[in-house]
Amino acid sequence: MNLPVGSCAVDTRTGRLGIVMGHEGPYVQLRPYGGGREWDCEPRAVREAGPAERLHAETAYGGARTAGHGRPVA
């Protein structure tokens, strides 16, 4: 799937949610919500995150920041 940069996506191989950072060669580059190291994913293994998945990521990130952590540990 070819999602636009900045959209929320799920790596269906691992279930990890990330933000689309770009398209490099045959891969989609994803970065964890809230920051972290990017990873490459094959386009066929990427799908758009649903509203509940985005809300879960936003809540986890906000909770981790409130607790004094930079980002949630996945």
N, C-alpha and C. Protein backbone atom coordinates (compact mmCIF):
# COMPACT_ATOMS: atom_id res chain seq x y z
N MET A 1 0.85 -1.18 0.00
CA MET A 1 0.00 0.00 0.00
C MET A 1 0.89 1.24 0.00
N ASN A 2 0.51 2.24 -0.75
CA ASN A 2 1.31 3.46 -0.87
C ASN A 2 0.62 4.59 -0.09
N LEU A 3 0.93 4.67 1.20
CA LEU A 3 0.35 5.70 2.05
C LEU A 3 1.17 6.98 1.98
N PRO A 4 0.54 8.13 2.13
CA PRO A 4 1.28 9.39 2.09
C PRO A 4 2.15 9.58 3.34
N VAL A 5 3.21 10.34 3.17
CA VAL A 5 4.10 10.68 4.29
C VAL A 5 3.27 11.38 5.37
N GLY A 6 3.50 10.97 6.61
CA GLY A 6 2.80 11.57 7.74
C GLY A 6 1.59 10.77 8.20
N SER A 7 1.18 9.77 7.41
CA SER A 7 0.02 8.99 7.82
C SER A 7 0.42 7.90 8.81
N CYS A 8 -0.55 7.46 9.59
CA CYS A 8 -0.36 6.38 10.56
C CYS A 8 -0.55 5.05 9.84
N ALA A 9 0.37 4.13 10.07
CA ALA A 9 0.30 2.83 9.40
C ALA A 9 0.68 1.72 10.37
N VAL A 10 0.27 0.51 10.02
CA VAL A 10 0.60 -0.67 10.82
C VAL A 10 1.44 -1.60 9.96
N ASP A 11 2.54 -2.07 10.54
CA ASP A 11 3.37 -3.10 9.92
C ASP A 11 2.69 -4.42 10.26
N THR A 12 2.04 -5.04 9.29
CA THR A 12 1.26 -6.24 9.55
C THR A 12 2.12 -7.45 9.91
N ARG A 13 3.41 -7.38 9.66
CA ARG A 13 4.30 -8.49 10.03
C ARG A 13 4.50 -8.54 11.53
N THR A 14 4.54 -7.36 12.16
CA THR A 14 4.85 -7.28 13.59
C THR A 14 3.73 -6.68 14.43
N GLY A 15 2.79 -6.00 13.78
CA GLY A 15 1.72 -5.32 14.51
C GLY A 15 2.12 -3.96 15.03
N ARG A 16 3.34 -3.52 14.74
CA ARG A 16 3.81 -2.21 15.21
C ARG A 16 3.15 -1.09 14.43
N LEU A 17 2.81 -0.03 15.15
CA LEU A 17 2.23 1.15 14.53
C LEU A 17 3.32 2.18 14.33
N GLY A 18 3.32 2.84 13.19
CA GLY A 18 4.31 3.85 12.93
C GLY A 18 3.77 4.95 12.03
N ILE A 19 4.56 5.99 11.91
CA ILE A 19 4.26 7.11 11.03
C ILE A 19 5.07 6.92 9.75
N VAL A 20 4.43 7.06 8.61
CA VAL A 20 5.13 6.94 7.33
C VAL A 20 6.06 8.14 7.18
N MET A 21 7.35 7.85 7.07
CA MET A 21 8.36 8.90 6.96
C MET A 21 8.83 9.09 5.51
N GLY A 22 8.60 8.08 4.69
CA GLY A 22 9.03 8.19 3.30
C GLY A 22 8.97 6.85 2.60
N HIS A 23 9.38 6.88 1.36
CA HIS A 23 9.42 5.68 0.52
C HIS A 23 10.82 5.65 -0.08
N GLU A 24 11.58 4.63 0.29
CA GLU A 24 12.96 4.51 -0.16
C GLU A 24 13.12 3.20 -0.91
N GLY A 25 13.38 3.30 -2.20
CA GLY A 25 13.48 2.09 -3.01
C GLY A 25 12.15 1.34 -2.94
N PRO A 26 12.21 0.03 -2.69
CA PRO A 26 10.97 -0.74 -2.63
C PRO A 26 10.30 -0.72 -1.26
N TYR A 27 10.81 0.05 -0.32
CA TYR A 27 10.31 0.00 1.05
C TYR A 27 9.58 1.26 1.49
N VAL A 28 8.71 1.06 2.47
CA VAL A 28 8.07 2.17 3.18
C VAL A 28 8.85 2.33 4.47
N GLN A 29 9.24 3.54 4.80
CA GLN A 29 9.97 3.80 6.04
C GLN A 29 8.99 4.26 7.10
N LEU A 30 8.98 3.54 8.23
CA LEU A 30 8.09 3.85 9.34
C LEU A 30 8.90 4.24 10.56
N ARG A 31 8.36 5.16 11.35
CA ARG A 31 8.98 5.56 12.61
C ARG A 31 7.93 5.38 13.70
N PRO A 32 8.32 4.83 14.85
CA PRO A 32 7.34 4.63 15.92
C PRO A 32 6.65 5.95 16.29
N TYR A 33 5.38 5.85 16.66
CA TYR A 33 4.63 7.02 17.10
C TYR A 33 5.34 7.59 18.33
N GLY A 34 5.65 8.85 18.33
CA GLY A 34 6.35 9.48 19.44
C GLY A 34 7.86 9.51 19.26
N GLY A 35 8.36 8.93 18.17
CA GLY A 35 9.78 8.99 17.88
C GLY A 35 10.47 7.66 18.08
N GLY A 36 11.68 7.61 17.61
CA GLY A 36 12.46 6.38 17.70
C GLY A 36 13.10 6.06 16.37
N ARG A 37 13.67 4.90 16.32
CA ARG A 37 14.40 4.47 15.13
C ARG A 37 13.45 3.99 14.04
N GLU A 38 13.67 4.47 12.84
CA GLU A 38 12.86 4.06 11.70
C GLU A 38 13.17 2.62 11.32
N TRP A 39 12.18 1.99 10.68
CA TRP A 39 12.41 0.67 10.12
C TRP A 39 11.77 0.60 8.74
N ASP A 40 12.27 -0.30 7.92
CA ASP A 40 11.78 -0.49 6.57
C ASP A 40 10.75 -1.61 6.54
N CYS A 41 9.75 -1.43 5.72
CA CYS A 41 8.68 -2.41 5.60
C CYS A 41 8.28 -2.52 4.14
N GLU A 42 8.01 -3.74 3.70
CA GLU A 42 7.53 -3.93 2.34
C GLU A 42 6.13 -3.32 2.22
N PRO A 43 5.85 -2.65 1.13
CA PRO A 43 4.55 -2.00 0.96
C PRO A 43 3.36 -2.94 1.13
N ARG A 44 3.51 -4.19 0.73
CA ARG A 44 2.38 -5.13 0.85
C ARG A 44 2.10 -5.51 2.30
N ALA A 45 3.05 -5.22 3.21
CA ALA A 45 2.89 -5.54 4.62
C ALA A 45 2.49 -4.31 5.44
N VAL A 46 2.07 -3.23 4.77
CA VAL A 46 1.68 -2.00 5.45
C VAL A 46 0.21 -1.73 5.17
N ARG A 47 -0.51 -1.37 6.23
CA ARG A 47 -1.90 -0.95 6.05
C ARG A 47 -2.13 0.30 6.88
N GLU A 48 -3.13 1.05 6.49
CA GLU A 48 -3.47 2.27 7.23
C GLU A 48 -4.00 1.89 8.61
N ALA A 49 -3.57 2.63 9.62
CA ALA A 49 -4.04 2.40 10.98
C ALA A 49 -5.47 2.89 11.12
N GLY A 50 -6.27 2.14 11.84
CA GLY A 50 -7.65 2.54 12.08
C GLY A 50 -7.74 3.56 13.19
N PRO A 51 -8.91 4.17 13.36
CA PRO A 51 -9.08 5.19 14.40
C PRO A 51 -8.75 4.68 15.81
N ALA A 52 -9.16 3.46 16.14
CA ALA A 52 -8.88 2.92 17.47
C ALA A 52 -7.38 2.71 17.68
N GLU A 53 -6.68 2.28 16.65
CA GLU A 53 -5.23 2.08 16.75
C GLU A 53 -4.50 3.40 16.93
N ARG A 54 -4.94 4.42 16.20
CA ARG A 54 -4.33 5.75 16.36
C ARG A 54 -4.58 6.30 17.77
N LEU A 55 -5.80 6.14 18.25
CA LEU A 55 -6.14 6.61 19.59
C LEU A 55 -5.32 5.88 20.65
N HIS A 56 -5.15 4.58 20.48
CA HIS A 56 -4.34 3.81 21.43
C HIS A 56 -2.90 4.33 21.46
N ALA A 57 -2.32 4.59 20.28
CA ALA A 57 -0.95 5.10 20.21
C ALA A 57 -0.84 6.48 20.85
N GLU A 58 -1.81 7.35 20.58
CA GLU A 58 -1.79 8.70 21.17
C GLU A 58 -1.91 8.63 22.68
N THR A 59 -2.77 7.76 23.18
CA THR A 59 -2.97 7.61 24.62
C THR A 59 -1.72 7.06 25.29
N ALA A 60 -1.11 6.04 24.68
CA ALA A 60 0.11 5.45 25.24
C ALA A 60 1.24 6.48 25.28
N TYR A 61 1.38 7.24 24.20
CA TYR A 61 2.42 8.26 24.14
C TYR A 61 2.18 9.34 25.19
N GLY A 62 0.93 9.80 25.30
CA GLY A 62 0.60 10.83 26.29
C GLY A 62 0.81 10.33 27.70
N GLY A 63 0.45 9.09 27.97
CA GLY A 63 0.64 8.51 29.30
C GLY A 63 2.11 8.38 29.65
N ALA A 64 2.92 7.99 28.68
CA ALA A 64 4.36 7.87 28.93
C ALA A 64 4.98 9.22 29.22
N ARG A 65 4.55 10.25 28.49
CA ARG A 65 5.08 11.60 28.73
C ARG A 65 4.67 12.09 30.11
N THR A 66 3.43 11.83 30.51
CA THR A 66 2.94 12.25 31.82
C THR A 66 3.73 11.56 32.94
N ALA A 67 4.10 10.31 32.71
CA ALA A 67 4.85 9.54 33.70
C ALA A 67 6.33 9.93 33.72
N GLY A 68 6.74 10.81 32.82
CA GLY A 68 8.13 11.27 32.79
C GLY A 68 9.03 10.50 31.85
N HIS A 69 8.45 9.68 30.99
CA HIS A 69 9.24 8.93 30.00
C HIS A 69 9.16 9.66 28.68
N GLY A 70 10.18 9.50 27.86
CA GLY A 70 10.19 10.14 26.55
C GLY A 70 9.17 9.55 25.60
N ARG A 71 9.04 8.23 25.65
CA ARG A 71 8.08 7.55 24.77
C ARG A 71 7.78 6.19 25.39
N PRO A 72 6.66 5.59 25.01
CA PRO A 72 6.30 4.31 25.60
C PRO A 72 7.26 3.21 25.16
N VAL A 73 7.46 2.24 26.00
CA VAL A 73 8.27 1.09 25.66
C VAL A 73 7.37 0.05 25.06
N ALA A 74 7.72 -0.39 23.85
CA ALA A 74 6.87 -1.38 23.15
C ALA A 74 7.46 -2.76 23.24
